[in-house]
């Protein structure tokens, strides 16, 4: 079985956590990465409930979950991590009601930790330019990596979306990608001319160096001829950021943040950015308006003569 709780978890608690995980992936269409996160949270919760002498989800009350979340608050968990754990429990509670295992949703009265949303870090246009031009185009690796970086910044894809991109999702002549994001939701993502050129160059003169007998239709390949992994994308981006002399802590998602912020700075509509990013809720996209406001204030403080007066 793909999702199996530790043997230390009581059988009735474990059984329903495992059933929920299968339901979330197969019926709800959530990504394996997301389901694994929820599964880990619920297994942790079940272990805590066991310590309270509770061995069945039918006996769980909102107070038990509040006690669990409170117990984690002093363990250096970020507020966002605690909020996700609470979301995991809420999803399980709704599943139990849906399956007629419980008549009530025990999570309804739960209140989550107050979220303080940090502004996402972004690269400046100059830093992006230095990063994108860091790969050595004289090697197949450099041709591949330049195409990866250009496409990443041009499309704003998630790391998982980029690593799983396949050839049939490319419409280079039309200038867009067909992407299947969270929950297998499909969306069309436009890409710029420079990214198109770099991907074409990779397809013409780079990809064949990575192809092995069992290679499939994956676009970006590793040395083994399989789809390049999320971990390898992380390694590549950090390596090229260092080569480009960028001192910020560069992570793959930073290119996605920069994509959205630079579009907004250029005058793009927030709803259009939301659609390109694949955000289900506009409030998720609105964080980038705060980034732009912060940037404008910084620019005013730095360059306006009355702001520079002591």
Protein backbone atom coordinates (compact mmCIF):
# COMPACT_ATOMS: atom_id res chain seq x y z
CA UNK A 1 0.00 0.00 0.00
CA UNK A 2 1.41 3.40 -0.97
CA UNK A 3 0.26 5.21 2.19
CA UNK A 4 0.86 3.21 5.35
CA UNK A 5 1.06 4.56 8.88
CA UNK A 6 3.64 3.50 11.39
CA UNK A 7 2.76 0.38 13.37
CA UNK A 8 2.73 2.47 16.56
CA UNK A 9 -0.45 4.25 15.38
CA UNK A 10 -3.66 2.56 16.62
CA UNK A 11 -5.36 0.57 13.86
CA UNK A 12 -8.60 2.57 13.62
CA UNK A 13 -6.75 5.89 13.51
CA UNK A 14 -4.28 4.59 10.91
CA UNK A 15 -6.91 2.94 8.72
CA UNK A 16 -8.87 6.14 8.11
CA UNK A 17 -5.75 8.27 7.56
CA UNK A 18 -4.63 5.80 4.88
CA UNK A 19 -8.11 5.73 3.30
CA UNK A 20 -8.22 9.52 3.23
CA UNK A 21 -4.82 9.72 1.49
CA UNK A 22 -5.94 7.33 -1.26
CA UNK A 23 -9.20 9.30 -1.68
CA UNK A 24 -7.34 12.63 -1.84
CA UNK A 25 -5.01 11.43 -4.60
CA UNK A 26 -7.34 9.29 -6.71
CA UNK A 27 -10.71 11.02 -6.32
CA UNK A 28 -9.80 14.61 -5.41
CA UNK A 29 -6.91 14.64 -7.88
CA UNK A 30 -4.43 16.21 -5.45
CA UNK A 31 -0.76 15.86 -6.33
CA UNK A 32 1.20 13.04 -4.62
CA UNK A 33 3.43 15.73 -3.08
CA UNK A 34 0.42 17.46 -1.45
CA UNK A 35 -1.14 14.19 -0.30
CA UNK A 36 2.14 13.07 1.25
CA UNK A 37 2.23 16.33 3.21
CA UNK A 38 -1.33 15.86 4.50
CA UNK A 39 -0.62 12.21 5.28
CA UNK A 40 2.45 13.12 7.34
CA UNK A 41 0.48 15.74 9.30
CA UNK A 42 -2.35 13.31 10.06
CA UNK A 43 0.02 10.53 11.08
CA UNK A 44 1.67 12.98 13.48
CA UNK A 45 -1.74 14.01 14.81
CA UNK A 46 -2.75 10.36 15.26
CA UNK A 47 0.41 9.74 17.29
CA UNK A 48 -0.49 12.65 19.56
CA UNK A 49 -4.08 11.38 19.96
CA UNK A 50 -2.73 7.98 20.95
CA UNK A 51 -0.86 9.71 23.76
CA UNK A 52 -4.20 11.08 24.98
CA UNK A 53 -5.68 7.58 25.02
CA UNK A 54 -7.76 8.17 21.86
CA UNK A 55 -7.71 5.30 19.36
CA UNK A 56 -10.59 6.17 17.03
CA UNK A 57 -11.45 9.29 15.01
CA UNK A 58 -15.04 8.94 16.24
CA UNK A 59 -13.83 10.08 19.67
CA UNK A 60 -11.89 13.11 18.48
CA UNK A 61 -13.12 16.59 19.49
CA UNK A 62 -12.06 20.07 18.46
CA UNK A 63 -10.36 20.55 21.84
CA UNK A 64 -8.06 17.59 21.17
CA UNK A 65 -6.86 19.14 17.91
CA UNK A 66 -6.43 22.57 19.52
CA UNK A 67 -4.32 20.91 22.22
CA UNK A 68 -2.18 19.25 19.53
CA UNK A 69 -1.60 22.51 17.63
CA UNK A 70 -0.78 24.32 20.87
CA UNK A 71 1.75 21.62 21.77
CA UNK A 72 3.55 22.24 18.46
CA UNK A 73 3.66 26.02 18.82
CA UNK A 74 6.77 25.87 20.98
CA UNK A 75 8.65 23.52 18.62
CA UNK A 76 9.86 26.15 16.14
CA UNK A 77 7.12 25.39 13.61
CA UNK A 78 6.35 28.28 11.27
CA UNK A 79 2.82 29.64 11.46
CA UNK A 80 2.28 28.50 7.88
CA UNK A 81 3.25 24.92 8.86
CA UNK A 82 0.78 24.92 11.76
CA UNK A 83 -1.92 26.28 9.47
CA UNK A 84 -1.26 23.46 6.98
CA UNK A 85 -1.51 20.85 9.73
CA UNK A 86 -4.88 22.29 10.69
CA UNK A 87 -5.96 22.15 7.04
CA UNK A 88 -4.98 18.47 6.94
CA UNK A 89 -7.25 17.74 9.91
CA UNK A 90 -10.12 19.74 8.39
CA UNK A 91 -9.86 17.78 5.13
CA UNK A 92 -9.93 14.51 7.04
CA UNK A 93 -12.95 15.64 9.11
CA UNK A 94 -14.90 16.47 5.93
CA UNK A 95 -13.91 13.11 4.45
CA UNK A 96 -15.29 11.32 7.53
CA UNK A 97 -18.61 13.14 7.17
CA UNK A 98 -18.71 12.48 3.42
CA UNK A 99 -18.18 8.75 4.00
CA UNK A 100 -20.84 8.73 6.77
CA UNK A 101 -18.23 7.62 9.28
CA UNK A 102 -19.06 10.61 11.50
CA UNK A 103 -22.29 12.62 11.52
CA UNK A 104 -20.51 15.84 12.49
CA UNK A 105 -17.48 17.83 11.38
CA UNK A 106 -15.39 18.03 14.55
CA UNK A 107 -13.12 20.66 12.95
CA UNK A 108 -15.80 23.33 12.43
CA UNK A 109 -15.04 25.21 15.65
CA UNK A 110 -11.27 25.16 15.19
CA UNK A 111 -9.52 28.47 14.64
CA UNK A 112 -6.13 28.55 13.00
CA UNK A 113 -2.97 30.41 14.03
CA UNK A 114 -2.91 33.98 12.81
CA UNK A 115 -1.03 34.15 9.54
CA UNK A 116 1.44 36.95 8.94
CA UNK A 117 2.21 36.81 5.25
CA UNK A 118 5.81 37.63 4.41
CA UNK A 119 6.49 39.48 1.20
CA UNK A 120 8.10 37.06 -1.25
CA UNK A 121 11.72 37.77 -2.11
CA UNK A 122 12.29 38.65 -5.78
CA UNK A 123 15.20 39.23 -8.12
CA UNK A 124 15.75 42.55 -9.87
CA UNK A 125 15.64 42.55 -13.70
CA UNK A 126 19.45 42.93 -13.70
CA UNK A 127 19.86 39.92 -11.39
CA UNK A 128 17.52 37.88 -13.59
CA UNK A 129 19.59 38.79 -16.66
CA UNK A 130 22.81 37.70 -14.94
CA UNK A 131 21.22 34.43 -13.81
CA UNK A 132 19.79 33.57 -17.23
CA UNK A 133 23.06 34.19 -19.02
CA UNK A 134 25.20 32.22 -16.55
CA UNK A 135 25.07 28.79 -18.34
CA UNK A 136 27.83 28.01 -20.84
CA UNK A 137 26.13 27.51 -24.21
CA UNK A 138 29.14 25.62 -25.58
CA UNK A 139 28.03 22.47 -23.74
CA UNK A 140 24.79 20.40 -23.95
CA UNK A 141 24.33 21.00 -20.21
CA UNK A 142 24.56 24.75 -20.69
CA UNK A 143 22.09 24.68 -23.59
CA UNK A 144 19.65 22.65 -21.49
CA UNK A 145 20.08 24.79 -18.39
CA UNK A 146 19.68 28.06 -20.30
CA UNK A 147 16.41 26.73 -21.74
CA UNK A 148 15.27 25.72 -18.24
CA UNK A 149 16.03 29.13 -16.74
CA UNK A 150 14.52 31.11 -19.63
CA UNK A 151 11.35 29.01 -19.62
CA UNK A 152 11.09 29.16 -15.84
CA UNK A 153 11.25 32.96 -15.75
CA UNK A 154 9.13 33.44 -18.87
CA UNK A 155 6.26 31.22 -17.71
CA UNK A 156 6.24 31.44 -13.91
CA UNK A 157 5.67 27.69 -13.65
CA UNK A 158 5.85 25.83 -10.36
CA UNK A 159 8.97 23.68 -9.91
CA UNK A 160 6.93 20.47 -10.15
CA UNK A 161 5.22 21.70 -13.32
CA UNK A 162 8.55 22.44 -14.98
CA UNK A 163 10.17 19.14 -14.01
CA UNK A 164 7.17 17.14 -15.31
CA UNK A 165 6.78 19.10 -18.55
CA UNK A 166 6.43 16.87 -21.62
CA UNK A 167 6.99 17.51 -25.31
CA UNK A 168 3.30 17.38 -26.24
CA UNK A 169 2.61 20.31 -23.89
CA UNK A 170 4.72 22.65 -26.04
CA UNK A 171 3.16 24.92 -28.64
CA UNK A 172 6.29 26.87 -29.50
CA UNK A 173 5.06 28.30 -32.80
CA UNK A 174 2.01 29.72 -31.03
CA UNK A 175 4.08 30.78 -28.02
CA UNK A 176 2.40 28.96 -25.14
CA UNK A 177 2.43 25.85 -22.94
CA UNK A 178 -0.44 23.62 -21.84
CA UNK A 179 0.14 22.97 -18.15
CA UNK A 180 -1.55 20.66 -15.66
CA UNK A 181 -1.15 22.23 -12.24
CA UNK A 182 -2.48 21.58 -8.75
CA UNK A 183 -5.47 19.27 -8.71
CA UNK A 184 -4.71 18.40 -12.37
CA UNK A 185 -6.24 21.74 -13.42
CA UNK A 186 -5.31 22.66 -16.97
CA UNK A 187 -4.22 26.12 -18.01
CA UNK A 188 -2.53 27.81 -20.97
CA UNK A 189 0.64 29.74 -20.18
CA UNK A 190 2.20 32.15 -22.70
CA UNK A 191 5.99 32.20 -23.06
CA UNK A 192 8.23 34.91 -24.48
CA UNK A 193 10.24 34.86 -27.71
CA UNK A 194 13.59 34.44 -25.96
CA UNK A 195 12.35 31.39 -24.05
CA UNK A 196 10.95 29.91 -27.27
CA UNK A 197 14.32 30.39 -28.99
CA UNK A 198 16.22 28.73 -26.14
CA UNK A 199 13.86 25.76 -25.93
CA UNK A 200 14.08 25.28 -29.71
CA UNK A 201 17.87 25.38 -29.50
CA UNK A 202 17.80 22.75 -26.75
CA UNK A 203 15.48 20.51 -28.78
CA UNK A 204 17.65 20.86 -31.88
CA UNK A 205 21.13 20.54 -30.38
CA UNK A 206 20.96 19.65 -26.69
CA UNK A 207 18.29 17.12 -25.77
CA UNK A 208 19.69 14.28 -27.87
CA UNK A 209 22.79 14.16 -25.64
CA UNK A 210 20.61 13.13 -22.69
CA UNK A 211 18.36 10.63 -24.48
CA UNK A 212 18.68 6.98 -23.38
CA UNK A 213 16.90 3.83 -24.72
CA UNK A 214 14.10 4.14 -22.15
CA UNK A 215 13.68 7.92 -22.38
CA UNK A 216 10.06 9.01 -22.69
CA UNK A 217 8.46 12.28 -23.76
CA UNK A 218 9.81 14.39 -20.89
CA UNK A 219 11.16 17.75 -22.07
CA UNK A 220 14.08 18.38 -19.73
CA UNK A 221 16.23 15.30 -19.15
CA UNK A 222 18.81 14.31 -16.56
CA UNK A 223 22.03 12.40 -17.25
CA UNK A 224 20.03 9.17 -16.81
CA UNK A 225 17.65 10.14 -19.58
CA UNK A 226 14.73 10.60 -17.17
CA UNK A 227 12.81 13.75 -16.31
CA UNK A 228 14.98 16.22 -14.43
CA UNK A 229 14.02 16.19 -10.76
CA UNK A 230 12.85 19.03 -8.53
CA UNK A 231 15.97 18.52 -6.42
CA UNK A 232 18.25 18.88 -9.45
CA UNK A 233 16.44 22.06 -10.52
CA UNK A 234 17.13 23.44 -7.04
CA UNK A 235 20.83 22.52 -7.34
CA UNK A 236 21.15 24.06 -10.82
CA UNK A 237 19.52 27.35 -9.91
CA UNK A 238 21.65 27.78 -6.77
CA UNK A 239 24.79 26.96 -8.78
CA UNK A 240 24.05 29.53 -11.49
CA UNK A 241 23.00 32.16 -8.93
CA UNK A 242 26.40 31.77 -7.27
CA UNK A 243 28.14 31.99 -10.66
CA UNK A 244 26.16 35.16 -11.43
CA UNK A 245 27.28 36.78 -8.17
CA UNK A 246 23.76 36.97 -6.72
CA UNK A 247 23.94 37.19 -2.93
CA UNK A 248 20.23 36.65 -2.22
CA UNK A 249 19.17 33.14 -1.10
CA UNK A 250 18.01 31.96 -4.52
CA UNK A 251 15.47 29.12 -4.64
CA UNK A 252 13.48 27.85 -7.64
CA UNK A 253 10.28 29.59 -6.49
CA UNK A 254 12.15 32.90 -6.57
CA UNK A 255 11.90 32.92 -10.38
CA UNK A 256 8.13 32.43 -10.12
CA UNK A 257 7.89 35.33 -7.67
CA UNK A 258 10.07 37.49 -9.93
CA UNK A 259 7.95 36.59 -12.97
CA UNK A 260 4.77 37.78 -11.26
CA UNK A 261 6.30 40.92 -9.72
CA UNK A 262 7.92 42.05 -12.96
CA UNK A 263 4.67 41.52 -14.89
CA UNK A 264 2.81 43.63 -12.34
CA UNK A 265 5.50 46.33 -12.51
CA UNK A 266 5.06 46.40 -16.27
CA UNK A 267 1.33 47.03 -15.97
CA UNK A 268 -0.16 43.53 -16.35
CA UNK A 269 -3.65 42.96 -14.93
CA UNK A 270 -3.73 41.07 -11.62
CA UNK A 271 -6.43 38.68 -12.88
CA UNK A 272 -4.28 37.77 -15.88
CA UNK A 273 -1.30 37.09 -13.60
CA UNK A 274 -3.55 34.94 -11.41
CA UNK A 275 -4.56 32.85 -14.42
CA UNK A 276 -0.97 32.42 -15.62
CA UNK A 277 0.21 31.37 -12.14
CA UNK A 278 -2.70 28.96 -11.73
CA UNK A 279 -3.87 30.48 -8.43
CA UNK A 280 -7.35 29.35 -7.46
CA UNK A 281 -7.92 32.47 -5.34
CA UNK A 282 -7.07 36.07 -6.31
CA UNK A 283 -6.01 36.75 -2.71
CA UNK A 284 -2.98 34.51 -3.27
CA UNK A 285 -1.92 36.66 -6.22
CA UNK A 286 -2.54 39.94 -4.38
CA UNK A 287 0.62 39.44 -2.31
CA UNK A 288 2.54 40.70 -5.36
CA UNK A 289 0.80 44.07 -5.18
CA UNK A 290 2.37 44.45 -1.73
CA UNK A 291 5.76 43.63 -3.20
CA UNK A 292 5.32 46.33 -5.82
CA UNK A 293 4.12 48.88 -3.24
CA UNK A 294 7.15 48.08 -1.08
CA UNK A 295 9.46 48.51 -4.07
CA UNK A 296 7.93 51.89 -4.92
CA UNK A 297 8.35 53.10 -1.34
CA UNK A 298 11.99 51.98 -1.36
CA UNK A 299 12.60 53.81 -4.62
CA UNK A 300 10.94 56.97 -3.25
CA UNK A 301 13.04 56.84 -0.07
CA UNK A 302 16.21 56.32 -2.08
CA UNK A 303 15.78 58.89 -4.83
CA UNK A 304 13.31 61.60 -3.80
CA UNK A 305 15.26 64.67 -2.51
CA UNK A 306 12.83 65.32 0.35
CA UNK A 307 13.10 61.68 1.50
CA UNK A 308 16.88 61.90 1.69
CA UNK A 309 16.81 64.88 4.07
CA UNK A 310 17.70 64.04 7.66
